[in-house]
Amino acid sequence: MTNYAVPDFGNFFNAVARHPNPPPKPSRVSFDVRWHGGAPPVDIRDPTFGFMGTFVDGPATISFTAKNDGSTVVYRSLAAGQKALYAGAGRERNGIFFV
């Protein structure tokens, strides 16, 4: 995603306030998520939660930038030290499709 418009509330409490003060600043974010895969496929069947599927685990990296409109300051994520707790892809069946 590139140059996606988002409001910058400045902090969490302003973001959840009914009337943010100061008002949010128009901003833009860009991000790139790369999943690298590599693990063998794993079949999972969980009758307790009603789903089944085949999933592949693997590492992922994310780059992210954020910038307020009209500002020259750009905030960037750092590649060093990133750790994804889980990054996987697969096909799942659930609900009425769970057999």
N, C-alpha and C. Protein backbone atom coordinates (compact mmCIF):
# COMPACT_ATOMS: atom_id res chain seq x y z
N MET A 1 0.87 -1.15 0.00
CA MET A 1 0.00 0.00 0.00
C MET A 1 0.92 1.22 0.00
N THR A 2 0.60 2.17 -0.84
CA THR A 2 1.43 3.37 -0.96
C THR A 2 0.58 4.62 -0.80
N ASN A 3 1.06 5.53 0.05
CA ASN A 3 0.44 6.85 0.21
C ASN A 3 -1.03 6.78 0.65
N TYR A 4 -1.34 5.88 1.57
CA TYR A 4 -2.70 5.70 2.05
C TYR A 4 -3.04 6.80 3.06
N ALA A 5 -4.14 7.49 2.83
CA ALA A 5 -4.54 8.61 3.70
C ALA A 5 -5.07 8.10 5.04
N VAL A 6 -4.53 8.61 6.14
CA VAL A 6 -4.97 8.27 7.49
C VAL A 6 -4.95 9.53 8.36
N PRO A 7 -5.77 9.59 9.40
CA PRO A 7 -5.66 10.71 10.34
C PRO A 7 -4.60 10.41 11.40
N ASP A 8 -3.82 11.41 11.77
CA ASP A 8 -2.83 11.27 12.86
C ASP A 8 -3.38 11.99 14.08
N PHE A 9 -3.79 11.21 15.08
CA PHE A 9 -4.37 11.78 16.29
C PHE A 9 -3.31 12.17 17.31
N GLY A 10 -2.07 11.78 17.09
CA GLY A 10 -0.99 12.16 17.99
C GLY A 10 -0.76 11.20 19.13
N ASN A 11 -1.83 10.66 19.72
CA ASN A 11 -1.68 9.68 20.78
C ASN A 11 -2.97 8.86 20.90
N PHE A 12 -2.90 7.79 21.64
CA PHE A 12 -4.03 6.87 21.78
C PHE A 12 -5.26 7.55 22.37
N PHE A 13 -5.08 8.33 23.41
CA PHE A 13 -6.22 8.92 24.11
C PHE A 13 -6.95 9.92 23.22
N ASN A 14 -6.22 10.66 22.41
CA ASN A 14 -6.86 11.57 21.47
C ASN A 14 -7.60 10.79 20.39
N ALA A 15 -7.06 9.62 19.99
CA ALA A 15 -7.69 8.81 18.95
C ALA A 15 -9.03 8.24 19.41
N VAL A 16 -9.18 7.94 20.69
CA VAL A 16 -10.43 7.35 21.18
C VAL A 16 -11.36 8.39 21.81
N ALA A 17 -10.94 9.65 21.85
CA ALA A 17 -11.77 10.71 22.42
C ALA A 17 -12.96 11.01 21.51
N ARG A 18 -14.06 11.36 22.12
CA ARG A 18 -15.26 11.72 21.34
C ARG A 18 -15.00 12.98 20.53
N HIS A 19 -14.28 13.94 21.10
CA HIS A 19 -13.94 15.19 20.41
C HIS A 19 -12.44 15.39 20.54
N PRO A 20 -11.65 14.85 19.61
CA PRO A 20 -10.19 14.95 19.70
C PRO A 20 -9.72 16.40 19.76
N ASN A 21 -8.78 16.65 20.68
CA ASN A 21 -8.21 17.99 20.81
C ASN A 21 -6.72 17.85 21.07
N PRO A 22 -5.87 18.25 20.15
CA PRO A 22 -6.17 18.92 18.89
C PRO A 22 -6.77 17.95 17.87
N PRO A 23 -7.41 18.49 16.83
CA PRO A 23 -7.96 17.62 15.80
C PRO A 23 -6.87 16.85 15.07
N PRO A 24 -7.20 15.70 14.49
CA PRO A 24 -6.17 14.91 13.80
C PRO A 24 -5.59 15.65 12.60
N LYS A 25 -4.31 15.33 12.33
CA LYS A 25 -3.63 15.91 11.17
C LYS A 25 -3.76 14.95 9.99
N PRO A 26 -4.08 15.45 8.80
CA PRO A 26 -4.09 14.57 7.63
C PRO A 26 -2.68 14.02 7.40
N SER A 27 -2.60 12.72 7.16
CA SER A 27 -1.30 12.06 7.04
C SER A 27 -1.36 10.97 5.99
N ARG A 28 -0.20 10.40 5.68
CA ARG A 28 -0.09 9.33 4.69
C ARG A 28 0.82 8.24 5.24
N VAL A 29 0.46 6.99 4.98
CA VAL A 29 1.32 5.87 5.35
C VAL A 29 1.55 5.00 4.11
N SER A 30 2.69 4.34 4.09
CA SER A 30 3.01 3.34 3.07
C SER A 30 3.59 2.14 3.78
N PHE A 31 3.23 0.95 3.33
CA PHE A 31 3.80 -0.25 3.94
C PHE A 31 3.92 -1.36 2.91
N ASP A 32 4.87 -2.24 3.17
CA ASP A 32 5.13 -3.38 2.30
C ASP A 32 5.36 -4.59 3.20
N VAL A 33 4.51 -5.60 3.06
CA VAL A 33 4.62 -6.83 3.85
C VAL A 33 5.08 -7.94 2.91
N ARG A 34 6.17 -8.59 3.27
CA ARG A 34 6.71 -9.68 2.45
C ARG A 34 6.70 -10.97 3.27
N TRP A 35 6.03 -11.97 2.76
CA TRP A 35 6.00 -13.28 3.40
C TRP A 35 6.92 -14.19 2.59
N HIS A 36 7.81 -14.90 3.28
CA HIS A 36 8.83 -15.68 2.60
C HIS A 36 8.57 -17.19 2.60
N GLY A 37 7.55 -17.66 3.32
CA GLY A 37 7.18 -19.08 3.30
C GLY A 37 8.33 -20.00 3.63
N GLY A 38 8.23 -21.23 3.16
CA GLY A 38 9.35 -22.15 3.30
C GLY A 38 9.09 -23.40 4.12
N ALA A 39 8.22 -23.35 5.09
CA ALA A 39 7.97 -24.53 5.91
C ALA A 39 7.05 -25.50 5.14
N PRO A 40 7.07 -26.76 5.51
CA PRO A 40 6.17 -27.71 4.84
C PRO A 40 4.71 -27.45 5.25
N PRO A 41 3.75 -27.75 4.37
CA PRO A 41 2.33 -27.56 4.70
C PRO A 41 1.92 -28.43 5.91
N VAL A 42 1.06 -27.87 6.74
CA VAL A 42 0.56 -28.58 7.92
C VAL A 42 -0.97 -28.59 7.86
N ASP A 43 -1.56 -29.78 8.01
CA ASP A 43 -3.02 -29.91 8.08
C ASP A 43 -3.47 -29.79 9.52
N ILE A 44 -4.46 -28.93 9.76
CA ILE A 44 -4.99 -28.71 11.11
C ILE A 44 -6.49 -28.93 11.08
N ARG A 45 -6.99 -29.65 12.08
CA ARG A 45 -8.44 -29.86 12.24
C ARG A 45 -8.76 -29.57 13.70
N ASP A 46 -9.62 -28.60 13.96
CA ASP A 46 -9.96 -28.20 15.33
C ASP A 46 -11.47 -28.20 15.50
N PRO A 47 -12.05 -29.34 15.97
CA PRO A 47 -13.50 -29.41 16.14
C PRO A 47 -14.02 -28.48 17.25
N THR A 48 -13.19 -28.14 18.22
CA THR A 48 -13.63 -27.25 19.29
C THR A 48 -14.00 -25.88 18.73
N PHE A 49 -13.17 -25.34 17.85
CA PHE A 49 -13.43 -24.02 17.28
C PHE A 49 -14.03 -24.11 15.88
N GLY A 50 -14.22 -25.32 15.36
CA GLY A 50 -14.93 -25.52 14.11
C GLY A 50 -14.21 -25.04 12.87
N PHE A 51 -12.93 -25.36 12.76
CA PHE A 51 -12.22 -25.02 11.52
C PHE A 51 -11.20 -26.09 11.19
N MET A 52 -10.85 -26.13 9.92
CA MET A 52 -9.80 -27.03 9.45
C MET A 52 -9.13 -26.36 8.25
N GLY A 53 -7.90 -26.76 7.99
CA GLY A 53 -7.23 -26.18 6.84
C GLY A 53 -5.81 -26.67 6.71
N THR A 54 -5.18 -26.21 5.66
CA THR A 54 -3.77 -26.50 5.39
C THR A 54 -3.03 -25.16 5.42
N PHE A 55 -1.97 -25.09 6.23
CA PHE A 55 -1.26 -23.83 6.44
C PHE A 55 0.24 -24.02 6.23
N VAL A 56 0.89 -22.96 5.77
CA VAL A 56 2.34 -22.95 5.58
C VAL A 56 2.89 -21.80 6.40
N ASP A 57 3.84 -22.10 7.25
CA ASP A 57 4.49 -21.12 8.12
C ASP A 57 5.75 -20.60 7.42
N GLY A 58 6.21 -19.42 7.81
CA GLY A 58 7.45 -18.89 7.26
C GLY A 58 7.70 -17.49 7.77
N PRO A 59 8.90 -16.97 7.59
CA PRO A 59 9.22 -15.63 8.09
C PRO A 59 8.57 -14.54 7.24
N ALA A 60 8.42 -13.37 7.84
CA ALA A 60 7.87 -12.21 7.13
C ALA A 60 8.64 -10.96 7.55
N THR A 61 8.68 -9.98 6.66
CA THR A 61 9.28 -8.69 6.97
C THR A 61 8.29 -7.59 6.58
N ILE A 62 8.37 -6.49 7.30
CA ILE A 62 7.45 -5.37 7.07
C ILE A 62 8.26 -4.08 7.02
N SER A 63 8.03 -3.27 6.00
CA SER A 63 8.59 -1.91 6.00
C SER A 63 7.41 -0.94 6.04
N PHE A 64 7.60 0.17 6.75
CA PHE A 64 6.49 1.08 7.02
C PHE A 64 7.02 2.50 7.08
N THR A 65 6.33 3.44 6.45
CA THR A 65 6.66 4.86 6.58
C THR A 65 5.38 5.62 6.88
N ALA A 66 5.52 6.72 7.61
CA ALA A 66 4.39 7.59 7.93
C ALA A 66 4.85 9.04 7.87
N LYS A 67 3.95 9.91 7.39
CA LYS A 67 4.30 11.32 7.22
C LYS A 67 3.04 12.16 7.30
N ASN A 68 3.10 13.25 8.08
CA ASN A 68 1.99 14.21 8.09
C ASN A 68 2.01 15.01 6.79
N ASP A 69 0.84 15.26 6.21
CA ASP A 69 0.76 16.07 5.01
C ASP A 69 1.37 17.45 5.30
N GLY A 70 2.15 17.97 4.38
CA GLY A 70 2.77 19.28 4.54
C GLY A 70 4.02 19.29 5.39
N SER A 71 4.47 18.14 5.86
CA SER A 71 5.69 18.06 6.68
C SER A 71 6.78 17.35 5.89
N THR A 72 8.02 17.66 6.21
CA THR A 72 9.14 16.96 5.57
C THR A 72 9.65 15.81 6.41
N VAL A 73 9.13 15.66 7.64
CA VAL A 73 9.57 14.60 8.54
C VAL A 73 8.89 13.28 8.14
N VAL A 74 9.70 12.24 7.96
CA VAL A 74 9.18 10.92 7.61
C VAL A 74 9.61 9.93 8.69
N TYR A 75 8.65 9.18 9.22
CA TYR A 75 8.93 8.15 10.22
C TYR A 75 9.05 6.82 9.49
N ARG A 76 10.12 6.04 9.78
CA ARG A 76 10.38 4.79 9.08
C ARG A 76 10.60 3.65 10.07
N SER A 77 10.12 2.48 9.70
CA SER A 77 10.42 1.29 10.50
C SER A 77 11.87 0.88 10.23
N LEU A 78 12.44 0.14 11.16
CA LEU A 78 13.79 -0.37 11.00
C LEU A 78 13.72 -1.87 10.73
N ALA A 79 14.45 -2.32 9.73
CA ALA A 79 14.46 -3.75 9.40
C ALA A 79 15.16 -4.56 10.50
N ALA A 80 16.20 -3.99 11.08
CA ALA A 80 16.96 -4.69 12.11
C ALA A 80 16.10 -4.88 13.36
N GLY A 81 16.09 -6.09 13.88
CA GLY A 81 15.39 -6.37 15.12
C GLY A 81 13.93 -6.75 14.97
N GLN A 82 13.40 -6.78 13.73
CA GLN A 82 12.01 -7.19 13.56
C GLN A 82 11.85 -8.67 13.88
N LYS A 83 10.73 -9.00 14.52
CA LYS A 83 10.42 -10.39 14.80
C LYS A 83 8.92 -10.59 14.68
N ALA A 84 8.50 -11.34 13.69
CA ALA A 84 7.09 -11.67 13.53
C ALA A 84 6.78 -12.88 14.40
N LEU A 85 5.77 -12.79 15.25
CA LEU A 85 5.42 -13.91 16.11
C LEU A 85 4.87 -15.07 15.31
N TYR A 86 4.12 -14.76 14.24
CA TYR A 86 3.63 -15.80 13.35
C TYR A 86 3.36 -15.17 11.99
N ALA A 87 3.77 -15.84 10.95
CA ALA A 87 3.46 -15.41 9.59
C ALA A 87 3.14 -16.67 8.79
N GLY A 88 1.89 -16.82 8.44
CA GLY A 88 1.50 -18.02 7.71
C GLY A 88 0.44 -17.71 6.68
N ALA A 89 0.25 -18.64 5.80
CA ALA A 89 -0.79 -18.53 4.78
C ALA A 89 -1.40 -19.91 4.61
N GLY A 90 -2.63 -19.94 4.14
CA GLY A 90 -3.26 -21.24 3.94
C GLY A 90 -4.68 -21.13 3.47
N ARG A 91 -5.32 -22.29 3.42
CA ARG A 91 -6.73 -22.39 3.07
C ARG A 91 -7.46 -22.94 4.28
N GLU A 92 -8.61 -22.35 4.58
CA GLU A 92 -9.35 -22.73 5.77
C GLU A 92 -10.81 -22.98 5.41
N ARG A 93 -11.42 -23.92 6.12
CA ARG A 93 -12.87 -24.14 6.04
C ARG A 93 -13.41 -23.99 7.45
N ASN A 94 -14.55 -23.30 7.58
CA ASN A 94 -15.16 -23.14 8.89
C ASN A 94 -16.67 -22.98 8.75
N GLY A 95 -17.34 -22.79 9.87
CA GLY A 95 -18.78 -22.61 9.85
C GLY A 95 -19.49 -23.79 9.21
N ILE A 96 -20.42 -23.51 8.32
CA ILE A 96 -21.18 -24.60 7.69
C ILE A 96 -20.33 -25.41 6.73
N PHE A 97 -19.15 -24.90 6.37
CA PHE A 97 -18.25 -25.62 5.47
C PHE A 97 -17.31 -26.56 6.21
N PHE A 98 -17.32 -26.50 7.55
CA PHE A 98 -16.48 -27.40 8.35
C PHE A 98 -17.09 -28.78 8.33
N VAL A 99 -16.33 -29.75 7.84
CA VAL A 99 -16.85 -31.12 7.71
C VAL A 99 -15.97 -32.07 8.50
